Amino acid sequence: MELNLVVPVEAGTSRKKGDEEIDSKIWRVTGPHDLKQIKNIKFHCISYVWGPGTEAEGSFFDNKIPMSDKTRPALEAAIKAAQVLQNEARGSKDEIVEAFWIDALCIPQAEGDARNATLERYLGISMSCWYAS
């Protein structure tokens, strides 16, 4: 199983194909991250309803498969909510978390062993595991 995350690109880093601008920041899908370290990786897990509409291939983070047209607004809303929390927490000692897991982008998109293993694992575990991370 792979753990991929959507994270902001550091200022001054070259933009790559598939990067997206959301709320004045450039974001990128990264990974796979080491699953042995998953308890040390902090990220927001986004839950949303897919619905019947789809985004075309290549239209969001250079997606390789069609995805829900609800994916983009769900991620944008989560990023904005996290930024509000960050602004409210300024001066606190709480760690700022700017990594997001969202199924349509973070499950490997290319057909093959990595996607199949992740889907089997993803479908076989309770969502509480994801939300507990």
C-alpha atoms as a PDB file:
ATOM      1  CA  MET A   1       0.000   0.000   0.000  1.00  0.00           C
ATOM      2  CA  GLU A   2       1.208   3.500  -0.814  1.00  0.00           C
ATOM      3  CA  LEU A   3       0.645   6.669   1.181  1.00  0.00           C
ATOM      4  CA  ASN A   4       0.636   9.679  -1.116  1.00  0.00           C
ATOM      5  CA  LEU A   5      -0.165  13.185   0.123  1.00  0.00           C
ATOM      6  CA  VAL A   6      -1.046  16.580  -1.302  1.00  0.00           C
ATOM      7  CA  VAL A   7       1.426  19.119   0.101  1.00  0.00           C
ATOM      8  CA  PRO A   8       2.408  22.725  -0.608  1.00  0.00           C
ATOM      9  CA  VAL A   9       5.487  23.297  -2.750  1.00  0.00           C
ATOM     10  CA  GLU A  10       8.187  25.297  -1.003  1.00  0.00           C
ATOM     11  CA  ALA A  11       8.597  28.851  -2.272  1.00  0.00           C
ATOM     12  CA  GLY A  12      11.302  29.045  -4.912  1.00  0.00           C
ATOM     13  CA  THR A  13      10.835  25.406  -6.008  1.00  0.00           C
ATOM     14  CA  SER A  14      10.300  24.901  -9.733  1.00  0.00           C
ATOM     15  CA  ARG A  15       6.743  24.123 -10.712  1.00  0.00           C
ATOM     16  CA  LYS A  16       6.214  20.663 -12.233  1.00  0.00           C
ATOM     17  CA  LYS A  17       3.574  19.239 -14.536  1.00  0.00           C
ATOM     18  CA  GLY A  18       0.619  18.260 -12.374  1.00  0.00           C
ATOM     19  CA  ASP A  19       1.121  20.958  -9.741  1.00  0.00           C
ATOM     20  CA  GLU A  20      -1.981  22.992  -8.930  1.00  0.00           C
ATOM     21  CA  GLU A  21      -2.461  26.496  -7.566  1.00  0.00           C
ATOM     22  CA  ILE A  22      -4.985  26.577  -4.738  1.00  0.00           C
ATOM     23  CA  ASP A  23      -5.572  29.660  -2.607  1.00  0.00           C
ATOM     24  CA  SER A  24      -2.366  31.373  -3.784  1.00  0.00           C
ATOM     25  CA  LYS A  25      -0.086  28.373  -3.102  1.00  0.00           C
ATOM     26  CA  ILE A  26       1.290  25.703  -5.407  1.00  0.00           C
ATOM     27  CA  TRP A  27       0.413  22.141  -4.326  1.00  0.00           C
ATOM     28  CA  ARG A  28       1.812  18.768  -5.407  1.00  0.00           C
ATOM     29  CA  VAL A  29       0.970  15.096  -4.865  1.00  0.00           C
ATOM     30  CA  THR A  30       3.994  13.478  -3.180  1.00  0.00           C
ATOM     31  CA  GLY A  31       4.906   9.968  -2.175  1.00  0.00           C
ATOM     32  CA  PRO A  32       4.889   7.189  -1.647  1.00  0.00           C
ATOM     33  CA  HIS A  33       5.769   7.936   1.961  1.00  0.00           C
ATOM     34  CA  ASP A  34       7.220   5.292   4.279  1.00  0.00           C
ATOM     35  CA  LEU A  35       4.305   3.443   5.854  1.00  0.00           C
ATOM     36  CA  LYS A  36       6.498   2.345   8.756  1.00  0.00           C
ATOM     37  CA  GLN A  37       6.634   5.994   9.712  1.00  0.00           C
ATOM     38  CA  ILE A  38       2.889   6.627   9.244  1.00  0.00           C
ATOM     39  CA  LYS A  39       2.324   7.329  12.924  1.00  0.00           C
ATOM     40  CA  ASN A  40       4.827  10.177  12.627  1.00  0.00           C
ATOM     41  CA  ILE A  41       3.292  11.666   9.491  1.00  0.00           C
ATOM     42  CA  LYS A  42       0.627  14.259  10.244  1.00  0.00           C
ATOM     43  CA  PHE A  43      -1.990  14.971   7.597  1.00  0.00           C
ATOM     44  CA  HIS A  44      -5.631  15.868   7.170  1.00  0.00           C
ATOM     45  CA  CYS A  45      -7.863  13.154   5.722  1.00  0.00           C
ATOM     46  CA  ILE A  46     -10.645  14.518   3.526  1.00  0.00           C
ATOM     47  CA  SER A  47     -14.014  12.821   3.341  1.00  0.00           C
ATOM     48  CA  TYR A  48     -16.567  13.881   0.743  1.00  0.00           C
ATOM     49  CA  VAL A  49     -19.399  12.548  -1.410  1.00  0.00           C
ATOM     50  CA  TRP A  50     -18.419  11.783  -4.985  1.00  0.00           C
ATOM     51  CA  GLY A  51     -21.716  12.351  -6.799  1.00  0.00           C
ATOM     52  CA  PRO A  52     -22.384  11.633 -10.485  1.00  0.00           C
ATOM     53  CA  GLY A  53     -20.206  14.310 -12.147  1.00  0.00           C
ATOM     54  CA  THR A  54     -16.586  13.740 -13.177  1.00  0.00           C
ATOM     55  CA  GLU A  55     -13.485  15.769 -13.960  1.00  0.00           C
ATOM     56  CA  ALA A  56     -11.755  14.932 -17.213  1.00  0.00           C
ATOM     57  CA  GLU A  57      -8.403  13.153 -17.205  1.00  0.00           C
ATOM     58  CA  GLY A  58      -5.532  15.594 -16.723  1.00  0.00           C
ATOM     59  CA  SER A  59      -7.724  18.401 -15.413  1.00  0.00           C
ATOM     60  CA  PHE A  60      -6.667  18.330 -11.743  1.00  0.00           C
ATOM     61  CA  PHE A  61      -3.148  17.431 -10.574  1.00  0.00           C
ATOM     62  CA  ASP A  62      -2.718  15.789 -13.994  1.00  0.00           C
ATOM     63  CA  ASN A  63      -5.074  12.979 -12.907  1.00  0.00           C
ATOM     64  CA  LYS A  64      -4.692   9.792 -14.934  1.00  0.00           C
ATOM     65  CA  ILE A  65      -8.227   8.550 -14.258  1.00  0.00           C
ATOM     66  CA  PRO A  66     -11.576  10.330 -14.182  1.00  0.00           C
ATOM     67  CA  MET A  67     -12.456  11.605 -10.717  1.00  0.00           C
ATOM     68  CA  SER A  68     -15.431  13.194  -9.050  1.00  0.00           C
ATOM     69  CA  ASP A  69     -16.119  16.835  -9.787  1.00  0.00           C
ATOM     70  CA  LYS A  70     -16.462  17.136  -5.995  1.00  0.00           C
ATOM     71  CA  THR A  71     -12.756  16.356  -5.420  1.00  0.00           C
ATOM     72  CA  ARG A  72     -11.469  19.834  -6.286  1.00  0.00           C
ATOM     73  CA  PRO A  73     -13.988  21.743  -4.117  1.00  0.00           C
ATOM     74  CA  ALA A  74     -13.464  19.325  -1.198  1.00  0.00           C
ATOM     75  CA  LEU A  75      -9.682  19.799  -1.282  1.00  0.00           C
ATOM     76  CA  GLU A  76      -9.968  23.571  -1.723  1.00  0.00           C
ATOM     77  CA  ALA A  77     -12.350  23.815   1.265  1.00  0.00           C
ATOM     78  CA  ALA A  78     -10.047  21.678   3.431  1.00  0.00           C
ATOM     79  CA  ILE A  79      -7.004  23.776   2.537  1.00  0.00           C
ATOM     80  CA  LYS A  80      -8.866  27.005   3.345  1.00  0.00           C
ATOM     81  CA  ALA A  81     -10.162  25.570   6.637  1.00  0.00           C
ATOM     82  CA  ALA A  82      -6.641  24.480   7.624  1.00  0.00           C
ATOM     83  CA  GLN A  83      -5.339  27.978   6.826  1.00  0.00           C
ATOM     84  CA  VAL A  84      -8.024  29.557   9.019  1.00  0.00           C
ATOM     85  CA  LEU A  85      -7.054  27.252  11.876  1.00  0.00           C
ATOM     86  CA  GLN A  86      -3.397  28.060  11.290  1.00  0.00           C
ATOM     87  CA  ASN A  87      -4.106  31.803  11.435  1.00  0.00           C
ATOM     88  CA  GLU A  88      -6.118  31.379  14.648  1.00  0.00           C
ATOM     89  CA  ALA A  89      -3.306  29.328  16.192  1.00  0.00           C
ATOM     90  CA  ARG A  90      -0.531  31.826  15.456  1.00  0.00           C
ATOM     91  CA  GLY A  91       1.690  31.994  18.473  1.00  0.00           C
ATOM     92  CA  SER A  92       0.560  28.627  19.788  1.00  0.00           C
ATOM     93  CA  LYS A  93       2.952  25.705  20.006  1.00  0.00           C
ATOM     94  CA  ASP A  94       0.685  23.500  17.881  1.00  0.00           C
ATOM     95  CA  GLU A  95       2.336  22.065  14.803  1.00  0.00           C
ATOM     96  CA  ILE A  96       0.922  23.404  11.550  1.00  0.00           C
ATOM     97  CA  VAL A  97      -0.221  20.557   9.308  1.00  0.00           C
ATOM     98  CA  GLU A  98      -0.324  21.290   5.594  1.00  0.00           C
ATOM     99  CA  ALA A  99      -0.574  17.791   4.171  1.00  0.00           C
ATOM    100  CA  PHE A 100      -3.795  16.261   2.888  1.00  0.00           C
ATOM    101  CA  TRP A 101      -4.948  12.770   1.961  1.00  0.00           C
ATOM    102  CA  ILE A 102      -7.833  12.579  -0.490  1.00  0.00           C
ATOM    103  CA  ASP A 103      -8.699   9.310  -2.188  1.00  0.00           C
ATOM    104  CA  ALA A 104      -8.948  10.445  -5.811  1.00  0.00           C
ATOM    105  CA  LEU A 105      -5.428  11.891  -5.775  1.00  0.00           C
ATOM    106  CA  CYS A 106      -3.607   9.852  -3.148  1.00  0.00           C
ATOM    107  CA  ILE A 107      -4.412   6.319  -4.267  1.00  0.00           C
ATOM    108  CA  PRO A 108      -1.965   5.382  -7.075  1.00  0.00           C
ATOM    109  CA  GLN A 109      -3.637   6.214 -10.378  1.00  0.00           C
ATOM    110  CA  ALA A 110      -1.712   3.979 -12.751  1.00  0.00           C
ATOM    111  CA  GLU A 111      -3.128   0.486 -13.143  1.00  0.00           C
ATOM    112  CA  GLY A 112      -0.866  -2.144 -11.642  1.00  0.00           C
ATOM    113  CA  ASP A 113       0.374  -3.710  -8.448  1.00  0.00           C
ATOM    114  CA  ALA A 114       0.723  -0.481  -6.422  1.00  0.00           C
ATOM    115  CA  ARG A 115      -2.836   0.620  -7.208  1.00  0.00           C
ATOM    116  CA  ASN A 116      -4.309  -2.838  -6.639  1.00  0.00           C
ATOM    117  CA  ALA A 117      -2.496  -3.319  -3.318  1.00  0.00           C
ATOM    118  CA  THR A 118      -3.531   0.128  -2.111  1.00  0.00           C
ATOM    119  CA  LEU A 119      -7.152  -0.372  -3.153  1.00  0.00           C
ATOM    120  CA  GLU A 120      -7.274  -3.785  -1.488  1.00  0.00           C
ATOM    121  CA  ARG A 121      -5.814  -2.322   1.685  1.00  0.00           C
ATOM    122  CA  TYR A 122      -7.902   0.863   1.493  1.00  0.00           C
ATOM    123  CA  LEU A 123     -11.138  -1.042   0.978  1.00  0.00           C
ATOM    124  CA  GLY A 124     -10.203  -3.646   3.559  1.00  0.00           C
ATOM    125  CA  ILE A 125      -9.492  -1.314   6.479  1.00  0.00           C
ATOM    126  CA  SER A 126     -11.850   0.822   8.449  1.00  0.00           C
ATOM    127  CA  MET A 127     -11.716   4.541   7.814  1.00  0.00           C
ATOM    128  CA  SER A 128     -10.905   5.026  11.498  1.00  0.00           C
ATOM    129  CA  CYS A 129      -7.356   3.948  10.650  1.00  0.00           C
ATOM    130  CA  TRP A 130      -7.003   6.853   8.188  1.00  0.00           C
ATOM    131  CA  TYR A 131      -8.639   9.374  10.470  1.00  0.00           C
ATOM    132  CA  ALA A 132      -6.515   8.283  13.427  1.00  0.00           C
ATOM    133  CA  SER A 133      -3.291   9.080  11.553  1.00  0.00           C
END
